[in-house]
Amino acid sequence: MRDPKIPSSHTNRLVHTAFGWYALTREQSDLGPFPSKQEASEALSRHIHVYKGVNTRNDSDGKPHSGISLHDSAHCHKTNCALCAEAYILRQGMVAS
């Protein structure tokens, strides 16, 4: 069930990891971790307000994102990346198994 306080446009940009909630950005650093999904969404709203018009989307085909992405954490250039944090947790779980 979707939280009505969280804009639907944030749905694919909020990631839950064992460290907490992150908001994905196009900038060098994702936002987070936050203790709640609501706090991550609020941070993303503030971030979008500040960066609106600064960093424009450059979709190659103009189609909406399918929701499937591959992320290479070994070559990621972000300083705080939610997807790298998630990959780290997954790797740790595989090592412990």
PDB file of N, CA and C in Angstrom:
ATOM      1  N   MET A   1       0.845  -1.179   0.000  1.00  0.00           N
ATOM      2  CA  MET A   1       0.000   0.000   0.000  1.00  0.00           C
ATOM      3  C   MET A   1       0.894   1.247   0.000  1.00  0.00           C
ATOM      4  N   ARG A   2       0.578   2.205  -0.877  1.00  0.00           N
ATOM      5  CA  ARG A   2       1.353   3.430  -0.998  1.00  0.00           C
ATOM      6  C   ARG A   2       0.928   4.419   0.077  1.00  0.00           C
ATOM      7  N   ASP A   3       1.913   5.072   0.681  1.00  0.00           N
ATOM      8  CA  ASP A   3       1.629   6.107   1.678  1.00  0.00           C
ATOM      9  C   ASP A   3       1.127   7.352   0.942  1.00  0.00           C
ATOM     10  N   PRO A   4      -0.075   7.843   1.257  1.00  0.00           N
ATOM     11  CA  PRO A   4      -0.625   8.987   0.527  1.00  0.00           C
ATOM     12  C   PRO A   4       0.187  10.273   0.703  1.00  0.00           C
ATOM     13  N   LYS A   5       1.029  10.348   1.720  1.00  0.00           N
ATOM     14  CA  LYS A   5       1.838  11.550   1.937  1.00  0.00           C
ATOM     15  C   LYS A   5       3.075  11.576   1.041  1.00  0.00           C
ATOM     16  N   ILE A   6       3.413  10.454   0.434  1.00  0.00           N
ATOM     17  CA  ILE A   6       4.594  10.364  -0.414  1.00  0.00           C
ATOM     18  C   ILE A   6       4.163  10.471  -1.875  1.00  0.00           C
ATOM     19  N   PRO A   7       4.681  11.476  -2.606  1.00  0.00           N
ATOM     20  CA  PRO A   7       4.280  11.638  -4.005  1.00  0.00           C
ATOM     21  C   PRO A   7       4.601  10.392  -4.833  1.00  0.00           C
ATOM     22  N   SER A   8       3.714  10.067  -5.758  1.00  0.00           N
ATOM     23  CA  SER A   8       3.930   8.882  -6.592  1.00  0.00           C
ATOM     24  C   SER A   8       5.214   9.006  -7.406  1.00  0.00           C
ATOM     25  N   SER A   9       5.648  10.227  -7.705  1.00  0.00           N
ATOM     26  CA  SER A   9       6.886  10.424  -8.465  1.00  0.00           C
ATOM     27  C   SER A   9       8.122  10.003  -7.672  1.00  0.00           C
ATOM     28  N   HIS A  10       7.994   9.844  -6.370  1.00  0.00           N
ATOM     29  CA  HIS A  10       9.121   9.426  -5.539  1.00  0.00           C
ATOM     30  C   HIS A  10       9.249   7.904  -5.448  1.00  0.00           C
ATOM     31  N   THR A  11       8.213   7.180  -5.818  1.00  0.00           N
ATOM     32  CA  THR A  11       8.157   5.736  -5.599  1.00  0.00           C
ATOM     33  C   THR A  11       9.408   5.003  -6.064  1.00  0.00           C
ATOM     34  N   ASN A  12       9.865   5.254  -7.276  1.00  0.00           N
ATOM     35  CA  ASN A  12      11.033   4.541  -7.804  1.00  0.00           C
ATOM     36  C   ASN A  12      12.352   5.145  -7.348  1.00  0.00           C
ATOM     37  N   ARG A  13      12.306   6.229  -6.619  1.00  0.00           N
ATOM     38  CA  ARG A  13      13.535   6.887  -6.182  1.00  0.00           C
ATOM     39  C   ARG A  13      13.838   6.655  -4.703  1.00  0.00           C
ATOM     40  N   LEU A  14      12.977   5.933  -3.992  1.00  0.00           N
ATOM     41  CA  LEU A  14      13.196   5.629  -2.582  1.00  0.00           C
ATOM     42  C   LEU A  14      13.614   4.170  -2.461  1.00  0.00           C
ATOM     43  N   VAL A  15      14.734   3.943  -1.786  1.00  0.00           N
ATOM     44  CA  VAL A  15      15.302   2.596  -1.651  1.00  0.00           C
ATOM     45  C   VAL A  15      15.489   2.290  -0.176  1.00  0.00           C
ATOM     46  N   HIS A  16      14.993   1.132   0.248  1.00  0.00           N
ATOM     47  CA  HIS A  16      15.164   0.710   1.635  1.00  0.00           C
ATOM     48  C   HIS A  16      16.307  -0.290   1.719  1.00  0.00           C
ATOM     49  N   THR A  17      17.256  -0.017   2.595  1.00  0.00           N
ATOM     50  CA  THR A  17      18.384  -0.922   2.827  1.00  0.00           C
ATOM     51  C   THR A  17      18.454  -1.227   4.322  1.00  0.00           C
ATOM     52  N   ALA A  18      19.358  -2.090   4.685  1.00  0.00           N
ATOM     53  CA  ALA A  18      19.564  -2.388   6.107  1.00  0.00           C
ATOM     54  C   ALA A  18      20.087  -1.167   6.862  1.00  0.00           C
ATOM     55  N   PHE A  19      20.656  -0.197   6.145  1.00  0.00           N
ATOM     56  CA  PHE A  19      21.160   1.027   6.773  1.00  0.00           C
ATOM     57  C   PHE A  19      20.053   2.046   6.989  1.00  0.00           C
ATOM     58  N   GLY A  20      18.963   1.927   6.236  1.00  0.00           N
ATOM     59  CA  GLY A  20      17.860   2.879   6.310  1.00  0.00           C
ATOM     60  C   GLY A  20      17.356   3.208   4.920  1.00  0.00           C
ATOM     61  N   TRP A  21      16.569   4.264   4.829  1.00  0.00           N
ATOM     62  CA  TRP A  21      15.968   4.698   3.558  1.00  0.00           C
ATOM     63  C   TRP A  21      16.867   5.703   2.853  1.00  0.00           C
ATOM     64  N   TYR A  22      17.008   5.549   1.542  1.00  0.00           N
ATOM     65  CA  TYR A  22      17.760   6.472   0.697  1.00  0.00           C
ATOM     66  C   TYR A  22      16.827   7.053  -0.358  1.00  0.00           C
ATOM     67  N   ALA A  23      17.177   8.245  -0.839  1.00  0.00           N
ATOM     68  CA  ALA A  23      16.516   8.857  -1.982  1.00  0.00           C
ATOM     69  C   ALA A  23      17.561   8.975  -3.088  1.00  0.00           C
ATOM     70  N   LEU A  24      17.265   8.400  -4.245  1.00  0.00           N
ATOM     71  CA  LEU A  24      18.206   8.424  -5.359  1.00  0.00           C
ATOM     72  C   LEU A  24      18.182   9.788  -6.040  1.00  0.00           C
ATOM     73  N   THR A  25      19.371  10.298  -6.376  1.00  0.00           N
ATOM     74  CA  THR A  25      19.495  11.580  -7.065  1.00  0.00           C
ATOM     75  C   THR A  25      20.358  11.404  -8.312  1.00  0.00           C
ATOM     76  N   ARG A  26      20.385  12.430  -9.149  1.00  0.00           N
ATOM     77  CA  ARG A  26      21.264  12.436 -10.324  1.00  0.00           C
ATOM     78  C   ARG A  26      22.620  13.050  -9.982  1.00  0.00           C
ATOM     79  N   GLU A  27      22.713  13.629  -8.799  1.00  0.00           N
ATOM     80  CA  GLU A  27      23.948  14.283  -8.394  1.00  0.00           C
ATOM     81  C   GLU A  27      24.958  13.265  -7.857  1.00  0.00           C
ATOM     82  N   GLN A  28      26.099  13.754  -7.394  1.00  0.00           N
ATOM     83  CA  GLN A  28      27.204  12.922  -6.942  1.00  0.00           C
ATOM     84  C   GLN A  28      26.871  12.065  -5.729  1.00  0.00           C
ATOM     85  N   SER A  29      25.862  12.459  -4.964  1.00  0.00           N
ATOM     86  CA  SER A  29      25.555  11.744  -3.733  1.00  0.00           C
ATOM     87  C   SER A  29      24.049  11.548  -3.587  1.00  0.00           C
ATOM     88  N   ASP A  30      23.638  10.313  -3.283  1.00  0.00           N
ATOM     89  CA  ASP A  30      22.248  10.061  -2.951  1.00  0.00           C
ATOM     90  C   ASP A  30      21.985  10.598  -1.549  1.00  0.00           C
ATOM     91  N   LEU A  31      20.734  10.757  -1.199  1.00  0.00           N
ATOM     92  CA  LEU A  31      20.369  11.295   0.106  1.00  0.00           C
ATOM     93  C   LEU A  31      20.081  10.155   1.071  1.00  0.00           C
ATOM     94  N   GLY A  32      20.649  10.214   2.253  1.00  0.00           N
ATOM     95  CA  GLY A  32      20.372   9.193   3.250  1.00  0.00           C
ATOM     96  C   GLY A  32      21.629   8.652   3.872  1.00  0.00           C
ATOM     97  N   PRO A  33      21.464   7.688   4.702  1.00  0.00           N
ATOM     98  CA  PRO A  33      20.214   6.984   5.015  1.00  0.00           C
ATOM     99  C   PRO A  33      19.354   7.756   6.024  1.00  0.00           C
ATOM    100  N   PHE A  34      18.043   7.524   5.922  1.00  0.00           N
ATOM    101  CA  PHE A  34      17.054   8.105   6.823  1.00  0.00           C
ATOM    102  C   PHE A  34      16.347   6.980   7.569  1.00  0.00           C
ATOM    103  N   PRO A  35      15.858   7.246   8.779  1.00  0.00           N
ATOM    104  CA  PRO A  35      15.174   6.202   9.548  1.00  0.00           C
ATOM    105  C   PRO A  35      13.798   5.827   8.999  1.00  0.00           C
ATOM    106  N   SER A  36      13.197   6.704   8.170  1.00  0.00           N
ATOM    107  CA  SER A  36      11.867   6.378   7.653  1.00  0.00           C
ATOM    108  C   SER A  36      11.744   6.752   6.178  1.00  0.00           C
ATOM    109  N   LYS A  37      10.805   6.106   5.526  1.00  0.00           N
ATOM    110  CA  LYS A  37      10.505   6.387   4.128  1.00  0.00           C
ATOM    111  C   LYS A  37      10.012   7.820   3.977  1.00  0.00           C
ATOM    112  N   GLN A  38       9.205   8.272   4.937  1.00  0.00           N
ATOM    113  CA  GLN A  38       8.662   9.625   4.905  1.00  0.00           C
ATOM    114  C   GLN A  38       9.787  10.666   4.951  1.00  0.00           C
ATOM    115  N   GLU A  39      10.777  10.455   5.805  1.00  0.00           N
ATOM    116  CA  GLU A  39      11.892  11.406   5.896  1.00  0.00           C
ATOM    117  C   GLU A  39      12.708  11.425   4.611  1.00  0.00           C
ATOM    118  N   ALA A  40      12.906  10.264   3.989  1.00  0.00           N
ATOM    119  CA  ALA A  40      13.626  10.204   2.718  1.00  0.00           C
ATOM    120  C   ALA A  40      12.848  10.952   1.638  1.00  0.00           C
ATOM    121  N   SER A  41      11.536  10.789   1.618  1.00  0.00           N
ATOM    122  CA  SER A  41      10.694  11.477   0.642  1.00  0.00           C
ATOM    123  C   SER A  41      10.738  12.993   0.840  1.00  0.00           C
ATOM    124  N   GLU A  42      10.687  13.430   2.085  1.00  0.00           N
ATOM    125  CA  GLU A  42      10.751  14.866   2.374  1.00  0.00           C
ATOM    126  C   GLU A  42      12.101  15.445   1.944  1.00  0.00           C
ATOM    127  N   ALA A  43      13.177  14.711   2.188  1.00  0.00           N
ATOM    128  CA  ALA A  43      14.499  15.162   1.771  1.00  0.00           C
ATOM    129  C   ALA A  43      14.571  15.245   0.243  1.00  0.00           C
ATOM    130  N   LEU A  44      13.972  14.277  -0.429  1.00  0.00           N
ATOM    131  CA  LEU A  44      13.957  14.286  -1.889  1.00  0.00           C
ATOM    132  C   LEU A  44      13.160  15.483  -2.411  1.00  0.00           C
ATOM    133  N   SER A  45      12.046  15.794  -1.780  1.00  0.00           N
ATOM    134  CA  SER A  45      11.258  16.967  -2.190  1.00  0.00           C
ATOM    135  C   SER A  45      12.081  18.248  -2.063  1.00  0.00           C
ATOM    136  N   ARG A  46      12.794  18.398  -0.954  1.00  0.00           N
ATOM    137  CA  ARG A  46      13.648  19.584  -0.763  1.00  0.00           C
ATOM    138  C   ARG A  46      14.757  19.607  -1.817  1.00  0.00           C
ATOM    139  N   HIS A  47      15.352  18.459  -2.070  1.00  0.00           N
ATOM    140  CA  HIS A  47      16.436  18.351  -3.048  1.00  0.00           C
ATOM    141  C   HIS A  47      15.941  18.752  -4.446  1.00  0.00           C
ATOM    142  N   ILE A  48      14.785  18.231  -4.838  1.00  0.00           N
ATOM    143  CA  ILE A  48      14.224  18.550  -6.152  1.00  0.00           C
ATOM    144  C   ILE A  48      13.951  20.044  -6.259  1.00  0.00           C
ATOM    145  N   HIS A  49      13.439  20.640  -5.193  1.00  0.00           N
ATOM    146  CA  HIS A  49      13.160  22.077  -5.192  1.00  0.00           C
ATOM    147  C   HIS A  49      14.443  22.881  -5.423  1.00  0.00           C
ATOM    148  N   VAL A  50      15.526  22.493  -4.776  1.00  0.00           N
ATOM    149  CA  VAL A  50      16.800  23.210  -4.903  1.00  0.00           C
ATOM    150  C   VAL A  50      17.415  23.017  -6.286  1.00  0.00           C
ATOM    151  N   TYR A  51      17.365  21.792  -6.818  1.00  0.00           N
ATOM    152  CA  TYR A  51      18.056  21.473  -8.063  1.00  0.00           C
ATOM    153  C   TYR A  51      17.174  21.555  -9.308  1.00  0.00           C
ATOM    154  N   LYS A  52      15.923  21.931  -9.170  1.00  0.00           N
ATOM    155  CA  LYS A  52      15.012  21.990 -10.314  1.00  0.00           C
ATOM    156  C   LYS A  52      15.587  22.898 -11.406  1.00  0.00           C
ATOM    157  N   GLY A  53      15.724  22.343 -12.609  1.00  0.00           N
ATOM    158  CA  GLY A  53      16.250  23.095 -13.741  1.00  0.00           C
ATOM    159  C   GLY A  53      17.762  23.102 -13.847  1.00  0.00           C
ATOM    160  N   VAL A  54      18.465  22.662 -12.800  1.00  0.00           N
ATOM    161  CA  VAL A  54      19.929  22.651 -12.825  1.00  0.00           C
ATOM    162  C   VAL A  54      20.458  21.420 -13.547  1.00  0.00           C
ATOM    163  N   ASN A  55      19.876  20.278 -13.240  1.00  0.00           N
ATOM    164  CA  ASN A  55      20.329  19.024 -13.809  1.00  0.00           C
ATOM    165  C   ASN A  55      19.182  18.441 -14.621  1.00  0.00           C
ATOM    166  N   THR A  56      19.226  18.591 -15.926  1.00  0.00           N
ATOM    167  CA  THR A  56      18.123  18.130 -16.768  1.00  0.00           C
ATOM    168  C   THR A  56      18.304  16.678 -17.149  1.00  0.00           C
ATOM    169  N   ARG A  57      17.176  15.984 -17.282  1.00  0.00           N
ATOM    170  CA  ARG A  57      17.177  14.569 -17.657  1.00  0.00           C
ATOM    171  C   ARG A  57      17.569  14.455 -19.117  1.00  0.00           C
ATOM    172  N   ASN A  58      18.355  13.427 -19.422  1.00  0.00           N
ATOM    173  CA  ASN A  58      18.784  13.181 -20.788  1.00  0.00           C
ATOM    174  C   ASN A  58      18.452  11.739 -21.143  1.00  0.00           C
ATOM    175  N   ASP A  59      17.166  11.446 -21.295  1.00  0.00           N
ATOM    176  CA  ASP A  59      16.748  10.099 -21.672  1.00  0.00           C
ATOM    177  C   ASP A  59      17.056   9.881 -23.138  1.00  0.00           C
ATOM    178  N   SER A  60      17.669   8.749 -23.449  1.00  0.00           N
ATOM    179  CA  SER A  60      18.067   8.488 -24.825  1.00  0.00           C
ATOM    180  C   SER A  60      16.884   8.242 -25.744  1.00  0.00           C
ATOM    181  N   ASP A  61      15.828   7.612 -25.253  1.00  0.00           N
ATOM    182  CA  ASP A  61      14.699   7.303 -26.126  1.00  0.00           C
ATOM    183  C   ASP A  61      13.424   8.037 -25.743  1.00  0.00           C
ATOM    184  N   GLY A  62      13.454   8.818 -24.679  1.00  0.00           N
ATOM    185  CA  GLY A  62      12.288   9.575 -24.265  1.00  0.00           C
ATOM    186  C   GLY A  62      11.202   8.753 -23.590  1.00  0.00           C
ATOM    187  N   LYS A  63      11.411   7.451 -23.444  1.00  0.00           N
ATOM    188  CA  LYS A  63      10.422   6.582 -22.822  1.00  0.00           C
ATOM    189  C   LYS A  63      10.630   6.556 -21.315  1.00  0.00           C
ATOM    190  N   PRO A  64       9.574   6.316 -20.543  1.00  0.00           N
ATOM    191  CA  PRO A  64       9.736   6.219 -19.087  1.00  0.00           C
ATOM    192  C   PRO A  64      10.621   5.037 -18.724  1.00  0.00           C
ATOM    193  N   HIS A  65      11.288   5.161 -17.609  1.00  0.00           N
ATOM    194  CA  HIS A  65      12.176   4.107 -17.122  1.00  0.00           C
ATOM    195  C   HIS A  65      11.362   2.862 -16.799  1.00  0.00           C
ATOM    196  N   SER A  66      11.876   1.705 -17.175  1.00  0.00           N
ATOM    197  CA  SER A  66      11.147   0.453 -16.980  1.00  0.00           C
ATOM    198  C   SER A  66      11.141  -0.016 -15.538  1.00  0.00           C
ATOM    199  N   GLY A  67      11.980   0.574 -14.679  1.00  0.00           N
ATOM    200  CA  GLY A  67      12.060   0.139 -13.295  1.00  0.00           C
ATOM    201  C   GLY A  67      13.128  -0.914 -13.081  1.00  0.00           C
ATOM    202  N   ILE A  68      13.779  -1.346 -14.148  1.00  0.00           N
ATOM    203  CA  ILE A  68      14.854  -2.328 -14.039  1.00  0.00           C
ATOM    204  C   ILE A  68      16.157  -1.619 -14.350  1.00  0.00           C
ATOM    205  N   SER A  69      17.121  -1.762 -13.465  1.00  0.00           N
ATOM    206  CA  SER A  69      18.419  -1.150 -13.727  1.00  0.00           C
ATOM    207  C   SER A  69      19.529  -2.062 -13.235  1.00  0.00           C
ATOM    208  N   LEU A  70      20.664  -1.932 -13.860  1.00  0.00           N
ATOM    209  CA  LEU A  70      21.853  -2.652 -13.427  1.00  0.00           C
ATOM    210  C   LEU A  70      22.788  -1.627 -12.821  1.00  0.00           C
ATOM    211  N   HIS A  71      23.432  -1.997 -11.756  1.00  0.00           N
ATOM    212  CA  HIS A  71      24.328  -1.060 -11.091  1.00  0.00           C
ATOM    213  C   HIS A  71      25.654  -1.748 -10.827  1.00  0.00           C
ATOM    214  N   ASP A  72      26.722  -1.141 -11.276  1.00  0.00           N
ATOM    215  CA  ASP A  72      28.063  -1.687 -11.092  1.00  0.00           C
ATOM    216  C   ASP A  72      28.727  -0.961  -9.926  1.00  0.00           C
ATOM    217  N   SER A  73      28.590  -1.520  -8.740  1.00  0.00           N
ATOM    218  CA  SER A  73      29.122  -0.843  -7.551  1.00  0.00           C
ATOM    219  C   SER A  73      30.648  -0.755  -7.563  1.00  0.00           C
ATOM    220  N   ALA A  74      31.302  -1.623  -8.308  1.00  0.00           N
ATOM    221  CA  ALA A  74      32.769  -1.579  -8.382  1.00  0.00           C
ATOM    222  C   ALA A  74      33.253  -0.336  -9.133  1.00  0.00           C
ATOM    223  N   HIS A  75      32.402   0.237  -9.977  1.00  0.00           N
ATOM    224  CA  HIS A  75      32.803   1.393 -10.778  1.00  0.00           C
ATOM    225  C   HIS A  75      31.901   2.607 -10.570  1.00  0.00           C
ATOM    226  N   CYS A  76      31.140   2.615  -9.505  1.00  0.00           N
ATOM    227  CA  CYS A  76      30.238   3.723  -9.211  1.00  0.00           C
ATOM    228  C   CYS A  76      31.053   4.955  -8.793  1.00  0.00           C
ATOM    229  N   HIS A  77      30.649   6.116  -9.283  1.00  0.00           N
ATOM    230  CA  HIS A  77      31.370   7.353  -8.976  1.00  0.00           C
ATOM    231  C   HIS A  77      30.697   8.200  -7.897  1.00  0.00           C
ATOM    232  N   LYS A  78      29.586   7.721  -7.357  1.00  0.00           N
ATOM    233  CA  LYS A  78      28.912   8.487  -6.311  1.00  0.00           C
ATOM    234  C   LYS A  78      29.651   8.324  -4.988  1.00  0.00           C
ATOM    235  N   THR A  79      29.588   9.350  -4.162  1.00  0.00           N
ATOM    236  CA  THR A  79      30.231   9.288  -2.852  1.00  0.00           C
ATOM    237  C   THR A  79      29.319   8.671  -1.795  1.00  0.00           C
ATOM    238  N   ASN A  80      28.027   8.706  -2.008  1.00  0.00           N
ATOM    239  CA  ASN A  80      27.052   8.111  -1.093  1.00  0.00           C
ATOM    240  C   ASN A  80      25.958   7.527  -1.956  1.00  0.00           C
ATOM    241  N   CYS A  81      26.053   6.241  -2.258  1.00  0.00           N
ATOM    242  CA  CYS A  81      25.148   5.624  -3.227  1.00  0.00           C
ATOM    243  C   CYS A  81      24.266   4.577  -2.555  1.00  0.00           C
ATOM    244  N   ALA A  82      22.952   4.756  -2.669  1.00  0.00           N
ATOM    245  CA  ALA A  82      22.001   3.811  -2.080  1.00  0.00           C
ATOM    246  C   ALA A  82      22.129   2.433  -2.697  1.00  0.00           C
ATOM    247  N   LEU A  83      22.342   2.374  -4.001  1.00  0.00           N
ATOM    248  CA  LEU A  83      22.442   1.080  -4.674  1.00  0.00           C
ATOM    249  C   LEU A  83      23.721   0.344  -4.272  1.00  0.00           C
ATOM    250  N   CYS A  84      24.795   1.069  -4.034  1.00  0.00           N
ATOM    251  CA  CYS A  84      26.032   0.439  -3.546  1.00  0.00           C
ATOM    252  C   CYS A  84      25.828  -0.084  -2.119  1.00  0.00           C
ATOM    253  N   ALA A  85      25.106   0.682  -1.298  1.00  0.00           N
ATOM    254  CA  ALA A  85      24.829   0.238   0.078  1.00  0.00           C
ATOM    255  C   ALA A  85      24.012  -1.043   0.050  1.00  0.00           C
ATOM    256  N   GLU A  86      23.021  -1.094  -0.827  1.00  0.00           N
ATOM    257  CA  GLU A  86      22.187  -2.285  -0.949  1.00  0.00           C
ATOM    258  C   GLU A  86      23.012  -3.480  -1.435  1.00  0.00           C
ATOM    259  N   ALA A  87      23.898  -3.248  -2.409  1.00  0.00           N
ATOM    260  CA  ALA A  87      24.757  -4.318  -2.925  1.00  0.00           C
ATOM    261  C   ALA A  87      25.708  -4.820  -1.836  1.00  0.00           C
ATOM    262  N   TYR A  88      26.208  -3.903  -1.007  1.00  0.00           N
ATOM    263  CA  TYR A  88      27.104  -4.288   0.081  1.00  0.00           C
ATOM    264  C   TYR A  88      26.405  -5.243   1.045  1.00  0.00           C
ATOM    265  N   ILE A  89      25.177  -4.902   1.417  1.00  0.00           N
ATOM    266  CA  ILE A  89      24.403  -5.753   2.329  1.00  0.00           C
ATOM    267  C   ILE A  89      24.170  -7.124   1.705  1.00  0.00           C
ATOM    268  N   LEU A  90      23.815  -7.151   0.436  1.00  0.00           N
ATOM    269  CA  LEU A  90      23.589  -8.429  -0.250  1.00  0.00           C
ATOM    270  C   LEU A  90      24.861  -9.273  -0.274  1.00  0.00           C
ATOM    271  N   ARG A  91      25.991  -8.635  -0.557  1.00  0.00           N
ATOM    272  CA  ARG A  91      27.274  -9.371  -0.566  1.00  0.00           C
ATOM    273  C   ARG A  91      27.596  -9.935   0.807  1.00  0.00           C
ATOM    274  N   GLN A  92      27.359  -9.139   1.855  1.00  0.00           N
ATOM    275  CA  GLN A  92      27.641  -9.597   3.219  1.00  0.00           C
ATOM    276  C   GLN A  92      26.784 -10.803   3.565  1.00  0.00           C
ATOM    277  N   GLY A  93      25.534 -10.792   3.128  1.00  0.00           N
ATOM    278  CA  GLY A  93      24.649 -11.924   3.371  1.00  0.00           C
ATOM    279  C   GLY A  93      25.104 -13.163   2.652  1.00  0.00           C
ATOM    280  N   MET A  94      25.650 -13.001   1.454  1.00  0.00           N
ATOM    281  CA  MET A  94      26.143 -14.138   0.686  1.00  0.00           C
ATOM    282  C   MET A  94      27.414 -14.693   1.288  1.00  0.00           C
ATOM    283  N   VAL A  95      28.259 -13.806   1.829  1.00  0.00           N
ATOM    284  CA  VAL A  95      29.521 -14.242   2.456  1.00  0.00           C
ATOM    285  C   VAL A  95      29.229 -15.013   3.732  1.00  0.00           C
ATOM    286  N   ALA A  96      28.227 -14.563   4.496  1.00  0.00           N
ATOM    287  CA  ALA A  96      27.890 -15.190   5.765  1.00  0.00           C
ATOM    288  C   ALA A  96      27.214 -16.558   5.567  1.00  0.00           C
ATOM    289  N   SER A  97      26.631 -16.765   4.411  1.00  0.00           N
ATOM    290  CA  SER A  97      25.899 -18.017   4.163  1.00  0.00           C
ATOM    291  C   SER A  97      26.784 -19.204   4.029  1.00  0.00           C
TER     292      SER A  97
END
